[in-house]
Protein backbone atom coordinates (compact mmCIF):
# COMPACT_ATOMS: atom_id res chain seq x y z
CA UNK A 1 17.08 -16.96 7.63
CA UNK A 2 18.87 -15.05 10.40
CA UNK A 3 20.88 -13.01 7.88
CA UNK A 4 17.65 -11.86 6.20
CA UNK A 5 16.20 -10.98 9.59
CA UNK A 6 19.27 -8.91 10.53
CA UNK A 7 19.04 -6.99 7.24
CA UNK A 8 15.34 -6.37 7.81
CA UNK A 9 16.09 -5.10 11.30
CA UNK A 10 18.61 -2.59 9.92
CA UNK A 11 16.13 -1.48 7.24
CA UNK A 12 13.39 -0.97 9.82
CA UNK A 13 15.66 1.19 11.97
CA UNK A 14 16.89 3.09 8.92
CA UNK A 15 13.39 3.92 7.71
CA UNK A 16 11.67 4.59 11.05
CA UNK A 17 14.36 5.84 13.39
CA UNK A 18 13.72 4.81 17.00
CA UNK A 19 11.93 1.49 17.62
CA UNK A 20 11.42 -0.39 20.88
CA UNK A 21 12.37 -4.05 21.27
CA UNK A 22 8.65 -4.90 21.38
CA UNK A 23 7.98 -3.04 18.13
CA UNK A 24 10.90 -4.75 16.40
CA UNK A 25 9.80 -8.14 17.72
CA UNK A 26 6.30 -7.57 16.33
CA UNK A 27 7.58 -6.48 12.91
CA UNK A 28 10.07 -9.35 12.61
CA UNK A 29 7.74 -11.92 14.22
CA UNK A 30 10.30 -13.02 16.81
CA UNK A 31 10.65 -12.71 20.57
CA UNK A 32 12.13 -9.66 22.29
CA UNK A 33 14.99 -11.87 23.50
CA UNK A 34 15.83 -12.59 19.84
CA UNK A 35 15.80 -8.83 19.15
CA UNK A 36 18.35 -8.29 21.95
CA UNK A 37 20.63 -10.98 20.51
CA UNK A 38 20.27 -9.64 16.95
CA UNK A 39 21.06 -6.08 18.04
CA UNK A 40 24.23 -7.35 19.76
CA UNK A 41 25.22 -9.32 16.64
CA UNK A 42 24.76 -6.24 14.44
CA UNK A 43 26.85 -4.11 16.79
CA UNK A 44 29.63 -6.72 16.80
CA UNK A 45 29.51 -6.76 12.98
CA UNK A 46 30.14 -2.99 12.85
CA UNK A 47 26.57 -1.74 12.34
CA UNK A 48 26.15 1.16 14.80
CA UNK A 49 22.99 0.04 16.58
CA UNK A 50 22.52 2.05 19.77
CA UNK A 51 20.17 1.11 22.63
CA UNK A 52 18.58 4.05 24.45
CA UNK A 53 17.45 3.31 28.00
CA UNK A 54 14.32 4.58 29.77
CA UNK A 55 10.60 4.73 29.10
CA UNK A 56 11.09 6.53 25.79
CA UNK A 57 14.03 4.35 24.82
CA UNK A 58 14.59 1.78 22.15
CA UNK A 59 17.01 1.03 19.31
CA UNK A 60 18.29 3.44 16.68
CA UNK A 61 21.14 3.72 14.19
CA UNK A 62 23.84 6.16 15.18
CA UNK A 63 25.08 9.06 13.10
CA UNK A 64 22.74 8.83 10.13
CA UNK A 65 24.04 5.37 9.21
CA UNK A 66 22.53 4.03 5.98
CA UNK A 67 22.92 0.56 4.56
CA UNK A 68 23.33 -0.12 0.86
CA UNK A 69 21.80 -3.59 1.23
CA UNK A 70 18.58 -2.55 -0.51
CA UNK A 71 18.88 -4.55 -3.74
CA UNK A 72 15.80 -6.56 -4.63
CA UNK A 73 15.78 -10.31 -5.08
CA UNK A 74 13.75 -11.78 -7.94
CA UNK A 75 10.89 -12.80 -5.65
CA UNK A 76 10.86 -9.34 -4.07
CA UNK A 77 10.87 -7.62 -7.47
CA UNK A 78 7.89 -9.74 -8.52
CA UNK A 79 6.14 -9.10 -5.19
CA UNK A 80 6.64 -5.34 -5.62
CA UNK A 81 3.60 -5.24 -7.90
CA UNK A 82 1.46 -6.94 -5.24
CA UNK A 83 2.48 -4.59 -2.42
CA UNK A 84 -0.85 -2.76 -2.62
CA UNK A 85 -2.78 -6.00 -2.06
CA UNK A 86 -1.50 -7.33 1.28
CA UNK A 87 -4.49 -9.62 1.90
CA UNK A 88 -4.44 -11.48 -1.45
CA UNK A 89 -0.62 -11.57 -1.41
CA UNK A 90 -0.71 -13.20 2.03
CA UNK A 91 -3.31 -15.73 0.83
CA UNK A 92 -0.98 -16.72 -2.03
CA UNK A 93 1.92 -17.26 0.38
CA UNK A 94 3.74 -14.08 -0.67
CA UNK A 95 3.50 -12.11 2.55
CA UNK A 96 7.22 -12.32 3.40
CA UNK A 97 8.59 -10.99 0.07
CA UNK A 98 5.92 -8.25 -0.01
CA UNK A 99 6.87 -7.07 3.48
CA UNK A 100 10.57 -7.30 2.65
CA UNK A 101 10.29 -5.26 -0.54
CA UNK A 102 8.19 -2.68 1.27
CA UNK A 103 10.92 -2.22 3.87
CA UNK A 104 13.58 -1.91 1.16
CA UNK A 105 11.59 0.69 -0.77
CA UNK A 106 11.05 2.72 2.40
CA UNK A 107 14.74 2.49 3.28
CA UNK A 108 15.71 3.73 -0.18
CA UNK A 109 13.47 6.81 0.01
CA UNK A 110 14.89 10.16 1.14
CA UNK A 111 13.95 10.96 4.71
CA UNK A 112 11.38 13.57 3.72
CA UNK A 113 9.43 11.07 1.61
CA UNK A 114 9.27 8.15 4.03
CA UNK A 115 5.96 9.30 5.44
CA UNK A 116 4.36 8.92 1.99
CA UNK A 117 3.56 5.25 2.63
CA UNK A 118 1.96 6.02 5.98
CA UNK A 119 -0.06 8.91 4.54
CA UNK A 120 -1.37 6.73 1.71
CA UNK A 121 -2.15 3.85 4.07
CA UNK A 122 -4.14 6.19 6.32
CA UNK A 123 -6.21 7.45 3.41
CA UNK A 124 -6.76 4.53 1.01
CA UNK A 125 -7.44 0.83 1.51
CA UNK A 126 -8.51 -1.82 -1.01
CA UNK A 127 -10.77 -4.47 0.54
CA UNK A 128 -11.06 -7.04 -2.26
CA UNK A 129 -13.17 -9.88 -0.72
CA UNK A 130 -16.95 -9.68 -0.59
CA UNK A 131 -18.84 -9.04 2.66
CA UNK A 132 -20.07 -12.56 3.25
CA UNK A 133 -17.13 -14.65 2.07
CA UNK A 134 -15.13 -16.89 4.37
CA UNK A 135 -11.97 -15.29 5.72
CA UNK A 136 -9.77 -18.32 5.10
CA UNK A 137 -8.17 -18.63 1.63
CA UNK A 138 -8.85 -21.76 -0.47
CA UNK A 139 -6.79 -24.75 0.61
CA UNK A 140 -4.68 -25.06 -2.55
CA UNK A 141 -4.24 -21.35 -3.38
CA UNK A 142 -0.61 -21.07 -2.23
CA UNK A 143 0.42 -24.19 -4.19
CA UNK A 144 -1.30 -22.87 -7.30
CA UNK A 145 0.44 -19.51 -6.89
CA UNK A 146 3.85 -21.21 -6.72
CA UNK A 147 3.11 -23.13 -9.91
CA UNK A 148 1.94 -19.93 -11.64
CA UNK A 149 5.19 -18.14 -10.70
CA UNK A 150 7.36 -21.08 -11.79
CA UNK A 151 5.41 -22.14 -14.94
CA UNK A 152 4.97 -25.68 -13.58
CA UNK A 153 2.49 -28.18 -15.01
CA UNK A 154 -0.05 -29.51 -12.49
CA UNK A 155 -2.51 -32.36 -12.16
CA UNK A 156 -5.59 -31.04 -10.40
CA UNK A 157 -8.79 -32.58 -9.15
CA UNK A 158 -11.88 -30.43 -9.74
CA UNK A 159 -15.35 -30.79 -8.23
CA UNK A 160 -17.89 -30.24 -11.02
CA UNK A 161 -21.55 -30.58 -10.08
CA UNK A 162 -21.85 -34.08 -8.60
CA UNK A 163 -18.61 -35.50 -9.97
CA UNK A 164 -14.88 -34.96 -9.62
CA UNK A 165 -12.67 -34.77 -12.69
CA UNK A 166 -8.90 -34.78 -13.09
CA UNK A 167 -7.11 -32.41 -15.46
CA UNK A 168 -3.51 -31.68 -16.45
CA UNK A 169 -3.25 -27.89 -16.40
CA UNK A 170 -0.66 -25.31 -17.37
CA UNK A 171 -1.49 -22.63 -14.77
CA UNK A 172 -1.31 -19.22 -16.46
CA UNK A 173 -2.71 -16.94 -13.77
CA UNK A 174 -4.91 -16.32 -10.75
CA UNK A 175 -7.79 -13.84 -10.56
CA UNK A 176 -9.58 -12.58 -7.44
CA UNK A 177 -13.18 -11.58 -8.24
CA UNK A 178 -15.54 -10.46 -5.47
CA UNK A 179 -13.65 -12.52 -2.89
CA UNK A 180 -13.56 -15.66 -5.08
CA UNK A 181 -10.28 -16.93 -6.57
CA UNK A 182 -10.17 -18.34 -10.11
CA UNK A 183 -7.38 -20.19 -11.91
CA UNK A 184 -6.80 -19.49 -15.61
CA UNK A 185 -4.98 -22.38 -17.24
CA UNK A 186 -4.38 -24.18 -20.50
CA UNK A 187 -5.75 -27.69 -20.88
CA UNK A 188 -4.64 -29.14 -24.20
CA UNK A 189 -5.35 -26.40 -26.75
CA UNK A 190 -8.02 -24.66 -24.64
CA UNK A 191 -7.76 -21.90 -22.06
CA UNK A 192 -10.14 -22.60 -19.17
CA UNK A 193 -11.07 -21.15 -15.79
CA UNK A 194 -11.54 -23.03 -12.52
CA UNK A 195 -12.88 -21.85 -9.18
CA UNK A 196 -10.02 -22.44 -6.77
CA UNK A 197 -12.29 -23.42 -3.88
CA UNK A 198 -13.58 -26.33 -6.03
CA UNK A 199 -10.09 -27.71 -6.67
CA UNK A 200 -9.80 -30.81 -4.50
CA UNK A 201 -6.12 -31.64 -4.93
CA UNK A 202 -2.99 -30.25 -6.61
CA UNK A 203 -0.10 -32.46 -7.67
CA UNK A 204 3.02 -31.06 -9.39
CA UNK A 205 4.10 -33.17 -12.37
CA UNK A 206 7.69 -31.93 -12.26
CA UNK A 207 7.40 -30.61 -15.83
CA UNK A 208 7.64 -26.98 -16.92
CA UNK A 209 5.62 -25.38 -19.70
CA UNK A 210 6.40 -22.58 -22.11
CA UNK A 211 4.04 -19.69 -21.55
CA UNK A 212 2.36 -18.15 -24.58
CA UNK A 213 4.01 -14.68 -24.82
CA UNK A 214 0.80 -13.25 -26.33
CA UNK A 215 -1.33 -14.24 -23.33
CA UNK A 216 -2.78 -11.21 -21.50
CA UNK A 217 -4.48 -12.16 -18.23
CA UNK A 218 -6.66 -9.00 -17.79
CA UNK A 219 -7.83 -9.20 -21.42
CA UNK A 220 -8.53 -12.94 -21.13
CA UNK A 221 -10.48 -12.47 -17.91
CA UNK A 222 -12.57 -9.58 -19.28
CA UNK A 223 -13.59 -11.67 -22.28
CA UNK A 224 -14.28 -14.78 -20.21
CA UNK A 225 -16.29 -12.83 -17.62
CA UNK A 226 -18.49 -11.27 -20.32
CA UNK A 227 -19.02 -14.68 -21.92
CA UNK A 228 -19.82 -16.20 -18.52
CA UNK A 229 -22.48 -13.58 -17.82
CA UNK A 230 -24.07 -14.10 -21.23
CA UNK A 231 -24.21 -17.86 -20.66
CA UNK A 232 -25.39 -17.50 -17.09
CA UNK A 233 -28.55 -15.47 -17.87
CA UNK A 234 -30.37 -18.22 -19.75
CA UNK A 235 -33.98 -17.54 -18.70
CA UNK A 236 -36.21 -14.47 -18.78
CA UNK A 237 -39.15 -13.66 -16.53
CA UNK A 238 -41.76 -10.93 -17.06
CA UNK A 239 -42.67 -8.89 -14.00
CA UNK A 240 -44.42 -5.79 -12.75
CA UNK A 241 -42.40 -3.73 -10.29
CA UNK A 242 -43.46 -1.01 -7.88
CA UNK A 243 -41.26 2.12 -7.68
CA UNK A 244 -39.65 0.64 -4.56
CA UNK A 245 -39.22 -2.71 -6.28
CA UNK A 246 -37.46 -1.07 -9.23
CA UNK A 247 -35.05 0.64 -6.82
CA UNK A 248 -34.51 -2.57 -4.81
CA UNK A 249 -33.73 -4.63 -7.92
CA UNK A 250 -30.05 -3.65 -7.92
CA UNK A 251 -29.64 -5.24 -4.48
CA UNK A 252 -31.15 -8.51 -5.72
CA UNK A 253 -30.04 -9.32 -9.27
CA UNK A 254 -26.77 -9.20 -11.21
CA UNK A 255 -25.81 -5.77 -12.65
CA UNK A 256 -26.20 -6.81 -16.34
CA UNK A 257 -29.67 -8.19 -15.59
CA UNK A 258 -30.66 -5.04 -13.70
CA UNK A 259 -29.43 -2.89 -16.59
CA UNK A 260 -31.48 -4.90 -19.11
CA UNK A 261 -34.56 -4.72 -16.89
CA UNK A 262 -34.31 -0.93 -16.68
CA UNK A 263 -33.80 -0.70 -20.46
CA UNK A 264 -36.86 -2.89 -21.13
CA UNK A 265 -39.13 -1.14 -18.61
CA UNK A 266 -42.27 0.45 -20.04
CA UNK A 267 -43.92 3.67 -18.91
CA UNK A 268 -45.24 3.62 -15.32
CA UNK A 269 -48.96 2.96 -14.96
CA UNK A 270 -51.37 5.05 -12.87
CA UNK A 271 -50.15 3.22 -9.76
CA UNK A 272 -46.47 3.86 -10.60
CA UNK A 273 -45.75 0.21 -11.38
CA UNK A 274 -43.80 -0.73 -14.52
CA UNK A 275 -43.74 -3.85 -16.64
CA UNK A 276 -40.35 -5.25 -17.71
CA UNK A 277 -38.29 -8.36 -18.50
CA UNK A 278 -35.62 -9.64 -16.12
CA UNK A 279 -32.93 -12.10 -17.32
CA UNK A 280 -32.08 -14.73 -14.69
CA UNK A 281 -29.75 -17.68 -14.41
CA UNK A 282 -32.65 -20.10 -13.92
CA UNK A 283 -36.28 -20.13 -12.86
CA UNK A 284 -35.11 -21.32 -9.44
CA UNK A 285 -32.84 -18.29 -9.10
CA UNK A 286 -35.68 -16.06 -10.33
CA UNK A 287 -37.92 -17.50 -7.62
CA UNK A 288 -35.37 -16.54 -4.94
CA UNK A 289 -35.12 -13.02 -6.40
CA UNK A 290 -38.89 -12.57 -6.32
CA UNK A 291 -39.11 -13.73 -2.72
CA UNK A 292 -36.57 -11.05 -1.75
CA UNK A 293 -38.61 -8.36 -3.51
CA UNK A 294 -41.74 -9.53 -1.67
CA UNK A 295 -44.88 -7.44 -2.28
CA UNK A 296 -42.97 -4.98 -4.50
CA UNK A 297 -43.12 -7.34 -7.51
CA UNK A 298 -45.76 -9.31 -9.43
CA UNK A 299 -44.65 -12.15 -11.69
CA UNK A 300 -46.59 -12.27 -14.97
CA UNK A 301 -44.66 -14.98 -16.85
CA UNK A 302 -43.85 -17.85 -16.87
CA UNK A 303 -47.11 -19.22 -15.44
CA UNK A 304 -45.32 -21.89 -13.38
CA UNK A 305 -43.30 -19.29 -11.51
CA UNK A 306 -46.39 -17.16 -10.96
CA UNK A 307 -48.23 -20.13 -9.42
CA UNK A 308 -45.24 -20.92 -7.22
CA UNK A 309 -45.10 -17.33 -5.91
CA UNK A 310 -48.84 -17.38 -5.26
CA UNK A 311 -48.42 -20.53 -3.19
CA UNK A 312 -45.54 -18.90 -1.27
CA UNK A 313 -47.77 -15.88 -0.60
CA UNK A 314 -50.53 -18.14 0.74
CA UNK A 315 -48.06 -19.89 3.04
CA UNK A 316 -46.77 -16.55 4.31
CA UNK A 317 -50.37 -15.45 4.95
CA UNK A 318 -50.98 -18.59 6.99
CA UNK A 319 -47.85 -18.01 9.04
CA UNK A 320 -48.65 -14.38 9.90
CA UNK A 321 -52.44 -14.63 10.18
């Protein structure tokens, strides 16, 4: 552990030049006292670490010293492709190799190109989670990620509706969609998906599995997501929408449903309202959508939903009268 920290300290000084003890302590997640001891150990080992005194002082490498200790370990090489996703990588327990490989790449760059990372970081940022999702990652995400990397068979518990089931899974991959993590895995002869936040326990079996070399995670996910959306939109409601309601629809319903509603919309009437069909997951979900659209929508069918909205309107009238 200390050897890795000493190497990281040299790489930081090599890529950034002058750093204070406080800055090094923050980067290496140690105390400043540990930084002092590590700097002394490096100097005794022949690495020319020089301490500059004063307010503008700090540590630097003397005489353009460059280390050749920039080779990547296997975990760092794998983490290289996650370096642009620091949040998800951290959630999967891969923060340390991602930070390590980033330092090594910076140290290997010519001096004139080292600012490229900073320039890109100042200009572009990928914020994968949704606005209203919990900040904490799912409890078993890191354990699932380890099993995915190592091709290890797992026994998982999964909360499905009002029951919990147990499955033996060969974990093929993890997908982050709108702030929600999903596990893609083989169960018997089937490839299935599980929401990670519904997995109640993870138990390694000790066995390894042989991954199907033809499996393509992005292709699998695209097909499964399209199938999921088709299965999800099982009901259809007929509505009239005001011009404002038609514009607001994209903030209420799923994009495929909104697209179909726009495609099915007739010509506006004299009042500007249009008649259309809106696919929904269920009548209950449709009810919640209509409440959010308020007076900008009129439900025509099914009759039961229309009656329910009329009752909601009467209750609202009583509240605000």
